[in-house]
Amino acid sequence: MVGSYANGGGAAALVAEEKLDALRRLLGKSDGDPLRVVGVGAGAWGSVFCALLQDAYGRHRDRVQVRVWRRAGRAVDRADAERLFEVINSREDVLRRLIRRCAYLKYVEARLGDRTLHADEILRDGFCLNMLDTPLCPLKVVTNLQEAVWDADIVVNGLPSTETREVFGEIGRYWKERITQPLIISLAKGIEASLDPVPRIITPTQMISNATGVPLENILYLGGPNIASEIYNKEYANARICGADKWRKPLANFLRQPHFIVWDNSDLITHEVMGGLKNVYAIGAGMVAALTNESATSKSVYFSLCTSEMIYITHLLAREPEKLAGPLLADTYVTLLKGRNAWYGQKLAKGELTLEMGDSIKGKGTIQGVSAVNAFYELLSQGSLSVMHPETKKAVAPVELCPILKTLYKILIKRELTTNSILQAIRDESMYDPRERIEMAQRQSLFRPSLLGLAKGDAKA
């Protein structure tokens, strides 16, 4: 059964038990002391990630506990309550489960407007507010952050990058007396820019380490070309967990499922940055799709131009950028097809959303590409990172060779241009052939290790 929270047959249960025991041994867990996994944040991907673990390991309650923290008090409005009721009644397995748990009546009352549901309440029943059409397994939800994390062995960061620093700053205060360091897996795809003392990118894993004092070797990033609801519905997917040698392979094995393959890589920071970069260009792709009535030709022109900019930027960020091309393009492709950032761009271009509404959208969560546009523009506009312009032969800031990024910045951040300007940018007669931009990046020595906070010549975090 898709999304069933009872684990599969005997063979699958045995494999799960072996993987769980292997990780427990590595973490030094004794008998009677369960492995404590806590998700911090309950957006779509954060909730699905914890639900996958609950599905896989939930029957071993004496050896593992999976919990999710989310803030209390977020009310479910009448329209969402009505949608929930429709979803419940369309799924016999969900309907029967709620009746058995004596939880069905409150959804009837909420549909009628006689009761207010809350996001943490429905999450306990297996419903994520940002993904109502995909019922999950019931989850153990904690609304007190200190209670959730104080003794956690593994913490999963399911927060947007814009909230990571604040929440983990609070967590760091709770962990001051900890003797052992937890493991942290970050799912966040977003970045910040720091311009002092030198222009550099700050990623969520770095934010977490700075806020909590947990060493970066205990913090990993998991990302890949996937859509949360499709992963929970058992569509085949893959992801990559990046970080220190000691932890990434054991965690990849622990997280891997038949429909969710997890590879591993040592290049933590660069993969994390790439996860934020594709969100930038996904917003523009949504605008182009809406403004051209889904013209395949226009969308392909945009894709060609935006990917050449992304490849150019990877040459600034990595000594061996060709190794990132496959993962970056795959993640970009799925985001353009069905991601929230492309959706946001479409809604802006159609006038169904406005910039004044902010980047936290009901039913979708935080649109992380907006802050990423600002961060990448700020960084790449710094003269200290100058590159040689191929025509004028003069030093210019890297952003001068990224016209789509410049246009998105003027639309989303400065609000000087309308969404129609994205079409003017890709139709500009002076626009470089995408091949030329890639060749230019390959000819010039562009790598700027300082952008990732690395020593000169270093290639990895």
Protein backbone atom coordinates (compact mmCIF):
# COMPACT_ATOMS: atom_id res chain seq x y z
CA MET A 1 0.00 0.00 0.00
CA VAL A 2 1.39 3.41 -0.97
CA GLY A 3 2.25 5.49 2.05
CA SER A 4 1.40 2.69 4.47
CA TYR A 5 2.93 3.26 7.86
CA ALA A 6 3.14 -0.45 8.59
CA ASN A 7 6.46 -1.72 7.29
CA GLY A 8 6.61 -4.22 4.45
CA GLY A 9 7.10 -7.98 4.58
CA GLY A 10 9.48 -10.02 6.66
CA ALA A 11 12.50 -9.57 4.39
CA ALA A 12 12.12 -5.78 4.35
CA ALA A 13 11.71 -5.73 8.12
CA LEU A 14 14.90 -7.73 8.56
CA VAL A 15 16.88 -5.39 6.32
CA ALA A 16 15.53 -2.37 8.21
CA GLU A 17 16.49 -3.95 11.52
CA GLU A 18 20.03 -4.62 10.32
CA LYS A 19 20.49 -1.05 9.07
CA LEU A 20 19.10 0.37 12.29
CA ASP A 21 21.39 -1.79 14.43
CA ALA A 22 24.43 -0.81 12.36
CA LEU A 23 23.78 2.91 12.94
CA ARG A 24 23.02 2.34 16.62
CA ARG A 25 26.37 0.61 17.08
CA LEU A 26 28.22 3.43 15.36
CA LEU A 27 26.55 5.95 17.66
CA GLY A 28 27.27 3.84 20.75
CA LYS A 29 23.64 3.25 21.69
CA SER A 30 23.09 0.68 24.42
CA ASP A 31 20.17 -1.74 24.71
CA GLY A 32 17.09 -0.02 26.07
CA ASP A 33 18.28 3.38 24.87
CA PRO A 34 16.41 4.24 21.65
CA LEU A 35 17.98 6.15 18.78
CA ARG A 36 16.27 9.55 18.90
CA VAL A 37 15.59 11.20 15.54
CA VAL A 38 13.95 14.63 15.56
CA GLY A 39 12.78 16.66 12.60
CA VAL A 40 12.94 20.42 13.17
CA GLY A 41 10.37 22.11 10.95
CA ALA A 42 7.38 20.52 9.28
CA GLY A 43 7.24 21.77 5.73
CA ALA A 44 6.52 19.31 2.93
CA TRP A 45 10.01 17.80 2.59
CA GLY A 46 10.77 17.86 6.32
CA SER A 47 7.49 16.07 7.10
CA VAL A 48 7.93 13.52 4.31
CA PHE A 49 11.51 12.80 5.38
CA CYS A 50 10.42 11.96 8.93
CA ALA A 51 7.42 9.99 7.64
CA LEU A 52 9.75 7.86 5.49
CA LEU A 53 11.81 7.03 8.58
CA GLN A 54 8.67 6.29 10.57
CA ASP A 55 7.42 3.97 7.83
CA ALA A 56 10.75 2.17 7.59
CA TYR A 57 11.64 1.86 11.26
CA GLY A 58 8.47 2.59 13.24
CA ARG A 59 7.90 -1.00 14.27
CA HIS A 60 11.22 -0.99 16.18
CA ARG A 61 9.93 1.38 18.83
CA ASP A 62 12.25 0.08 21.50
CA ARG A 63 15.27 0.96 19.35
CA VAL A 64 14.27 4.15 17.52
CA GLN A 65 11.99 7.13 18.10
CA VAL A 66 11.04 9.55 15.33
CA ARG A 67 9.54 12.90 16.32
CA VAL A 68 8.81 16.21 14.59
CA TRP A 69 8.92 19.67 16.08
CA ARG A 70 6.74 22.41 14.70
CA ARG A 71 5.44 25.61 16.20
CA ALA A 72 2.05 25.46 17.85
CA GLY A 73 -0.85 27.77 17.13
CA ARG A 74 -1.01 27.81 13.31
CA ALA A 75 -4.72 27.56 12.53
CA VAL A 76 -6.08 25.67 9.53
CA ASP A 77 -8.51 27.93 7.67
CA ARG A 78 -11.97 26.87 6.50
CA ALA A 79 -10.94 26.26 2.88
CA ASP A 80 -8.09 23.96 3.92
CA ALA A 81 -10.37 22.16 6.37
CA GLU A 82 -12.83 21.50 3.55
CA ARG A 83 -10.01 20.24 1.33
CA LEU A 84 -8.80 17.94 4.12
CA PHE A 85 -12.27 16.48 4.46
CA GLU A 86 -12.36 15.73 0.72
CA VAL A 87 -8.96 14.04 0.83
CA ILE A 88 -9.91 11.92 3.84
CA ASN A 89 -13.11 10.71 2.25
CA SER A 90 -11.39 9.89 -1.03
CA ARG A 91 -8.97 7.51 0.69
CA GLU A 92 -10.57 4.52 2.37
CA ASP A 93 -7.35 3.61 4.22
CA VAL A 94 -7.09 7.12 5.69
CA LEU A 95 -10.77 7.25 6.55
CA ARG A 96 -10.62 3.93 8.40
CA ARG A 97 -7.46 4.95 10.24
CA LEU A 98 -9.02 8.19 11.51
CA ILE A 99 -12.21 6.41 12.57
CA ARG A 100 -10.15 3.84 14.50
CA ARG A 101 -8.26 6.68 16.20
CA CYS A 102 -11.55 8.46 17.00
CA ALA A 103 -10.23 11.44 15.06
CA TYR A 104 -12.66 11.62 12.14
CA LEU A 105 -15.36 13.71 13.83
CA LYS A 106 -13.12 16.75 14.31
CA TYR A 107 -12.58 16.95 10.54
CA VAL A 108 -16.34 16.86 10.02
CA GLU A 109 -16.75 19.70 12.52
CA ALA A 110 -13.92 21.70 10.95
CA ARG A 111 -15.52 21.37 7.51
CA LEU A 112 -18.75 22.78 8.91
CA GLY A 113 -16.90 25.63 10.61
CA ASP A 114 -17.77 24.36 14.09
CA ARG A 115 -14.16 23.70 15.07
CA THR A 116 -10.70 25.15 14.36
CA LEU A 117 -7.96 22.69 13.54
CA HIS A 118 -4.27 23.48 14.04
CA ALA A 119 -1.28 22.50 11.92
CA ASP A 120 0.45 20.53 14.69
CA GLU A 121 -2.82 18.71 15.42
CA ILE A 122 -3.36 17.52 11.86
CA LEU A 123 0.33 16.56 11.52
CA ARG A 124 -0.21 14.06 14.31
CA ASP A 125 -2.87 12.51 12.08
CA GLY A 126 -0.55 12.51 9.08
CA PHE A 127 -1.43 15.74 7.25
CA CYS A 128 1.13 18.42 6.32
CA LEU A 129 -0.38 21.87 5.86
CA ASN A 130 1.84 22.50 2.83
CA MET A 131 0.86 19.20 1.18
CA LEU A 132 -2.75 18.42 2.03
CA ASP A 133 -3.32 16.11 -0.93
CA THR A 134 -0.70 13.61 0.23
CA PRO A 135 -1.63 11.92 3.52
CA LEU A 136 1.35 10.70 5.52
CA CYS A 137 1.60 8.23 8.37
CA PRO A 138 0.72 9.53 11.85
CA LEU A 139 3.68 11.35 13.38
CA LYS A 140 4.77 12.07 16.92
CA VAL A 141 4.65 15.88 17.09
CA VAL A 142 6.27 18.01 19.79
CA THR A 143 5.61 21.75 20.01
CA ASN A 144 8.18 22.51 22.73
CA LEU A 145 11.55 22.92 21.01
CA GLN A 146 13.65 22.19 24.07
CA GLU A 147 11.73 18.99 24.79
CA ALA A 148 12.14 17.91 21.17
CA VAL A 149 15.88 18.34 20.77
CA TRP A 150 17.63 18.23 24.11
CA ASP A 151 18.56 14.54 23.93
CA ALA A 152 18.28 13.98 20.16
CA ASP A 153 20.90 11.78 18.48
CA ILE A 154 20.02 12.90 14.94
CA VAL A 155 18.37 16.23 14.14
CA VAL A 156 16.89 16.79 10.68
CA ASN A 157 16.76 20.43 9.62
CA GLY A 158 13.54 20.82 7.64
CA LEU A 159 13.42 24.60 8.09
CA PRO A 160 13.79 27.15 5.29
CA SER A 161 17.29 28.63 5.17
CA THR A 162 15.78 31.98 6.24
CA GLU A 163 14.69 30.48 9.58
CA THR A 164 17.60 28.13 10.22
CA ARG A 165 19.89 30.55 12.03
CA GLU A 166 17.25 31.75 14.49
CA VAL A 167 15.86 28.34 15.44
CA PHE A 168 19.24 26.64 15.75
CA GLY A 169 20.49 29.58 17.79
CA GLU A 170 17.80 28.67 20.30
CA ILE A 171 18.70 25.00 20.06
CA GLY A 172 22.35 25.87 20.72
CA ARG A 173 21.36 27.32 24.09
CA TYR A 174 19.68 24.04 25.04
CA TRP A 175 22.76 22.05 24.03
CA LYS A 176 25.31 23.97 26.11
CA GLU A 177 25.43 21.19 28.70
CA ARG A 178 25.55 18.31 26.20
CA ILE A 179 28.47 15.93 26.52
CA THR A 180 28.09 14.22 23.13
CA GLN A 181 27.58 15.98 19.82
CA PRO A 182 24.47 15.11 17.81
CA LEU A 183 24.40 14.44 14.08
CA ILE A 184 22.51 16.97 11.98
CA ILE A 185 21.11 16.39 8.49
CA SER A 186 20.10 19.59 6.74
CA LEU A 187 17.50 19.54 3.96
CA ALA A 188 17.50 23.32 3.45
CA LYS A 189 18.20 24.71 -0.03
CA GLY A 190 19.09 28.35 0.32
CA ILE A 191 22.03 30.62 1.05
CA GLU A 192 22.96 33.94 2.62
CA ALA A 193 25.66 36.39 1.53
CA SER A 194 28.31 37.87 3.78
CA LEU A 195 30.38 40.75 2.39
CA ASP A 196 32.70 41.39 5.36
CA PRO A 197 35.62 40.85 5.54
CA VAL A 198 35.44 39.23 2.08
CA PRO A 199 32.42 38.30 -0.08
CA ARG A 200 31.38 34.75 0.72
CA ILE A 201 28.42 32.41 0.83
CA ILE A 202 26.94 31.18 4.10
CA THR A 203 25.01 27.93 3.82
CA PRO A 204 22.52 26.40 6.27
CA THR A 205 25.07 23.85 7.52
CA GLN A 206 27.46 26.69 8.31
CA MET A 207 24.65 28.63 10.01
CA ILE A 208 23.88 25.57 12.15
CA SER A 209 27.51 25.04 13.12
CA ASN A 210 27.95 28.71 14.03
CA ALA A 211 24.71 28.79 16.02
CA THR A 212 25.16 25.53 17.97
CA GLY A 213 28.89 24.92 18.17
CA VAL A 214 28.40 21.49 16.60
CA PRO A 215 31.46 20.87 14.39
CA LEU A 216 30.84 20.87 10.64
CA GLU A 217 32.00 17.25 10.45
CA ASN A 218 28.83 16.29 12.35
CA ILE A 219 26.56 18.21 9.97
CA LEU A 220 25.51 16.82 6.58
CA TYR A 221 23.46 18.05 3.66
CA LEU A 222 20.93 15.89 1.82
CA GLY A 223 19.60 17.06 -1.52
CA GLY A 224 18.53 15.78 -4.88
CA PRO A 225 16.09 16.04 -7.77
CA ASN A 226 12.91 15.12 -5.97
CA ILE A 227 9.40 16.31 -5.13
CA ALA A 228 8.29 15.49 -1.58
CA SER A 229 4.80 14.20 -2.35
CA GLU A 230 6.06 11.96 -5.15
CA ILE A 231 8.74 10.45 -2.94
CA TYR A 232 6.17 9.57 -0.30
CA ASN A 233 3.98 8.01 -2.99
CA LYS A 234 6.88 5.68 -3.83
CA GLU A 235 7.94 7.28 -7.10
CA TYR A 236 11.54 6.24 -7.73
CA ALA A 237 13.93 8.98 -6.58
CA ASN A 238 17.53 9.53 -5.62
CA ALA A 239 19.38 11.94 -3.41
CA ARG A 240 22.92 12.60 -2.27
CA ILE A 241 24.10 13.00 1.32
CA CYS A 242 27.22 15.11 1.60
CA GLY A 243 29.61 15.49 4.49
CA ALA A 244 32.37 13.88 6.51
CA ASP A 245 33.60 10.38 5.65
CA LYS A 246 32.75 9.00 9.09
CA TRP A 247 29.02 9.65 8.85
CA ARG A 248 27.86 9.98 5.26
CA LYS A 249 28.11 6.32 4.20
CA PRO A 250 26.41 4.92 7.33
CA LEU A 251 23.66 7.53 7.04
CA ALA A 252 23.23 6.87 3.33
CA ASN A 253 22.71 3.20 4.14
CA PHE A 254 20.27 4.03 6.94
CA LEU A 255 18.21 6.37 4.74
CA ARG A 256 18.22 4.23 1.59
CA GLN A 257 14.96 2.52 0.62
CA PRO A 258 14.03 0.54 -2.52
CA HIS A 259 12.35 3.59 -4.07
CA PHE A 260 14.67 6.21 -2.54
CA ILE A 261 18.32 5.68 -3.38
CA VAL A 262 20.81 7.73 -1.39
CA TRP A 263 24.36 8.23 -2.67
CA ASP A 264 27.13 10.02 -0.78
CA ASN A 265 29.75 12.66 -1.52
CA SER A 266 32.40 14.49 0.47
CA ASP A 267 31.83 17.93 -1.12
CA LEU A 268 29.37 19.34 1.39
CA ILE A 269 29.33 23.10 0.85
CA THR A 270 29.42 23.13 -2.95
CA HIS A 271 26.50 20.72 -3.29
CA GLU A 272 24.57 22.75 -0.74
CA VAL A 273 25.19 25.97 -2.70
CA MET A 274 24.07 24.29 -5.92
CA GLY A 275 20.80 23.35 -4.19
CA GLY A 276 20.18 27.05 -3.63
CA LEU A 277 21.33 28.17 -7.08
CA LYS A 278 18.73 26.22 -9.06
CA ASN A 279 15.91 27.91 -7.08
CA VAL A 280 17.04 31.28 -8.46
CA TYR A 281 16.52 30.31 -12.07
CA ALA A 282 13.40 28.25 -11.39
CA ILE A 283 11.49 31.44 -10.53
CA GLY A 284 12.39 32.91 -13.91
CA ALA A 285 11.37 29.70 -15.65
CA GLY A 286 7.92 29.96 -14.12
CA MET A 287 7.60 33.53 -15.34
CA VAL A 288 8.57 32.58 -18.89
CA ALA A 289 6.12 29.67 -18.91
CA ALA A 290 3.23 31.89 -17.81
CA LEU A 291 4.09 34.83 -20.06
CA THR A 292 4.40 32.68 -23.20
CA ASN A 293 1.39 30.44 -22.53
CA GLU A 294 3.69 27.44 -21.91
CA SER A 295 5.56 27.89 -25.19
CA ALA A 296 7.96 24.96 -25.44
CA THR A 297 10.26 27.00 -27.66
CA SER A 298 10.47 29.94 -25.25
CA LYS A 299 10.97 27.67 -22.27
CA SER A 300 13.81 25.85 -24.04
CA VAL A 301 15.49 29.17 -24.92
CA TYR A 302 15.29 30.19 -21.28
CA PHE A 303 16.59 26.81 -20.12
CA SER A 304 19.57 27.04 -22.44
CA LEU A 305 20.45 30.55 -21.25
CA CYS A 306 19.87 29.99 -17.55
CA THR A 307 21.84 26.73 -17.45
CA SER A 308 24.77 28.46 -19.15
CA GLU A 309 24.68 31.07 -16.36
CA MET A 310 24.55 28.36 -13.71
CA ILE A 311 27.48 26.56 -15.30
CA TYR A 312 29.37 29.86 -15.39
CA ILE A 313 28.69 30.39 -11.69
CA THR A 314 29.82 26.85 -10.82
CA HIS A 315 33.20 27.70 -12.36
CA LEU A 316 33.49 30.46 -9.76
CA LEU A 317 32.57 28.08 -6.95
CA ALA A 318 34.36 24.83 -7.75
CA ARG A 319 37.75 23.74 -9.01
CA GLU A 320 36.15 20.82 -10.83
CA PRO A 321 32.72 22.18 -11.83
CA GLU A 322 32.06 19.40 -14.35
CA LYS A 323 31.44 17.04 -11.42
CA LEU A 324 28.49 19.19 -10.37
CA ALA A 325 26.86 19.46 -13.80
CA GLY A 326 24.73 16.31 -13.58
CA PRO A 327 23.32 16.82 -10.06
CA LEU A 328 22.74 20.55 -10.66
CA LEU A 329 20.90 20.06 -13.96
CA ALA A 330 18.81 17.18 -12.59
CA ASP A 331 17.76 19.23 -9.57
CA THR A 332 17.03 22.21 -11.83
CA TYR A 333 14.95 20.08 -14.20
CA VAL A 334 12.64 18.68 -11.52
CA THR A 335 12.25 22.12 -9.94
CA LEU A 336 11.20 23.60 -13.28
CA LEU A 337 8.70 20.79 -13.79
CA LYS A 338 6.96 20.85 -10.42
CA GLY A 339 8.83 22.87 -7.81
CA ARG A 340 7.41 25.65 -5.68
CA ASN A 341 9.85 28.27 -7.03
CA ALA A 342 8.72 27.78 -10.64
CA TRP A 343 5.11 27.80 -9.40
CA TYR A 344 5.79 31.10 -7.64
CA GLY A 345 7.22 32.64 -10.81
CA GLN A 346 4.12 31.57 -12.73
CA LYS A 347 1.76 33.06 -10.17
CA LEU A 348 3.66 36.36 -10.14
CA ALA A 349 3.57 36.61 -13.93
CA LYS A 350 -0.16 35.84 -14.02
CA GLY A 351 -0.88 38.45 -11.35
CA GLU A 352 -2.29 35.85 -8.95
CA LEU A 353 0.43 36.69 -6.41
CA THR A 354 2.26 39.95 -5.75
CA LEU A 355 5.69 40.66 -4.31
CA GLU A 356 4.00 42.53 -1.45
CA MET A 357 2.64 39.17 -0.22
CA GLY A 358 6.17 38.16 0.75
CA ASP A 359 7.97 34.89 0.09
CA SER A 360 6.05 32.70 2.56
CA ILE A 361 3.00 31.48 0.69
CA LYS A 362 -0.01 29.68 2.12
CA GLY A 363 -0.03 26.01 1.17
CA LYS A 364 3.51 26.16 -0.25
CA GLY A 365 5.78 27.41 2.52
CA THR A 366 8.83 29.61 1.96
CA ILE A 367 9.92 30.38 -1.60
CA GLN A 368 13.66 30.12 -0.95
CA GLY A 369 14.64 31.29 -4.42
CA VAL A 370 13.77 34.89 -3.56
CA SER A 371 16.41 35.26 -0.85
CA ALA A 372 18.84 33.27 -3.01
CA VAL A 373 18.45 35.78 -5.86
CA ASN A 374 19.44 38.55 -3.46
CA ALA A 375 22.38 36.59 -2.04
CA PHE A 376 23.87 35.53 -5.36
CA TYR A 377 23.46 39.02 -6.83
CA GLU A 378 25.12 40.67 -3.84
CA LEU A 379 28.05 38.29 -3.99
CA LEU A 380 28.61 38.33 -7.73
CA SER A 381 28.34 42.10 -7.99
CA GLN A 382 31.47 42.60 -5.87
CA GLY A 383 34.35 44.18 -7.76
CA SER A 384 36.87 42.21 -5.72
CA LEU A 385 35.73 39.08 -7.61
CA SER A 386 36.24 40.70 -11.00
CA VAL A 387 36.60 38.69 -14.20
CA MET A 388 37.66 39.68 -17.70
CA HIS A 389 34.84 40.76 -20.01
CA PRO A 390 35.35 38.85 -23.28
CA GLU A 391 34.51 41.83 -25.54
CA THR A 392 35.66 44.94 -23.70
CA LYS A 393 38.69 43.12 -22.22
CA LYS A 394 38.06 45.04 -19.00
CA ALA A 395 37.61 43.72 -15.47
CA VAL A 396 33.95 43.52 -14.45
CA ALA A 397 32.01 41.98 -11.59
CA PRO A 398 30.87 38.41 -12.44
CA VAL A 399 27.19 39.41 -12.35
CA GLU A 400 27.73 41.50 -15.50
CA LEU A 401 27.97 38.21 -17.38
CA CYS A 402 24.74 36.87 -15.83
CA PRO A 403 21.91 38.94 -17.40
CA ILE A 404 19.10 36.67 -16.21
CA LEU A 405 20.29 36.89 -12.60
CA LYS A 406 20.50 40.69 -12.96
CA THR A 407 16.95 40.83 -14.34
CA LEU A 408 15.52 38.61 -11.59
CA TYR A 409 17.20 40.83 -8.99
CA LYS A 410 15.61 43.94 -10.50
CA ILE A 411 12.19 42.24 -10.60
CA LEU A 412 12.13 40.47 -7.23
CA ILE A 413 14.40 42.51 -4.97
CA LYS A 414 14.65 46.07 -6.32
CA ARG A 415 11.16 45.88 -7.89
CA GLU A 416 12.30 48.19 -10.67
CA LEU A 417 11.04 45.94 -13.47
CA THR A 418 7.90 43.94 -14.18
CA THR A 419 7.88 40.19 -14.78
CA ASN A 420 7.66 40.86 -18.55
CA SER A 421 11.27 42.00 -18.37
CA ILE A 422 12.39 38.38 -18.16
CA LEU A 423 11.25 37.95 -21.76
CA GLN A 424 13.15 41.06 -22.84
CA ALA A 425 16.26 39.61 -21.20
CA ILE A 426 16.15 36.33 -23.09
CA ARG A 427 15.23 38.01 -26.39
CA ASP A 428 18.00 40.59 -26.25
CA GLU A 429 19.81 40.55 -29.61
CA SER A 430 23.12 41.15 -27.84
CA MET A 431 22.68 38.04 -25.65
CA TYR A 432 25.60 35.64 -25.81
CA ASP A 433 25.23 32.25 -27.39
CA PRO A 434 25.03 29.97 -24.30
CA ARG A 435 27.89 27.93 -25.74
CA GLU A 436 30.11 31.01 -25.70
CA ARG A 437 29.46 31.67 -22.02
CA ILE A 438 30.37 28.08 -21.18
CA GLU A 439 33.52 28.20 -23.31
CA MET A 440 34.44 31.52 -21.70
CA ALA A 441 34.11 29.95 -18.25
CA GLN A 442 36.26 27.02 -19.33
CA ARG A 443 38.99 29.27 -20.81
CA GLN A 444 39.32 31.62 -17.86
CA SER A 445 40.57 30.65 -14.44
CA LEU A 446 37.42 31.65 -12.52
CA PHE A 447 37.56 29.56 -9.34
CA ARG A 448 37.21 31.81 -6.27
CA PRO A 449 37.60 29.58 -3.18
CA SER A 450 36.99 32.59 -0.93
CA LEU A 451 33.34 32.59 -2.06
CA LEU A 452 32.82 29.41 -0.06
CA GLY A 453 34.96 30.60 2.84
CA LEU A 454 37.80 28.31 1.78
CA ALA A 455 41.53 28.93 1.79
CA LYS A 456 43.05 29.76 -1.59
CA GLY A 457 43.46 26.60 -3.61
CA ASP A 458 41.31 24.47 -1.33
CA ALA A 459 38.55 22.67 -3.16
CA LYS A 460 36.39 21.20 -0.41
CA ALA A 461 34.79 22.24 2.83
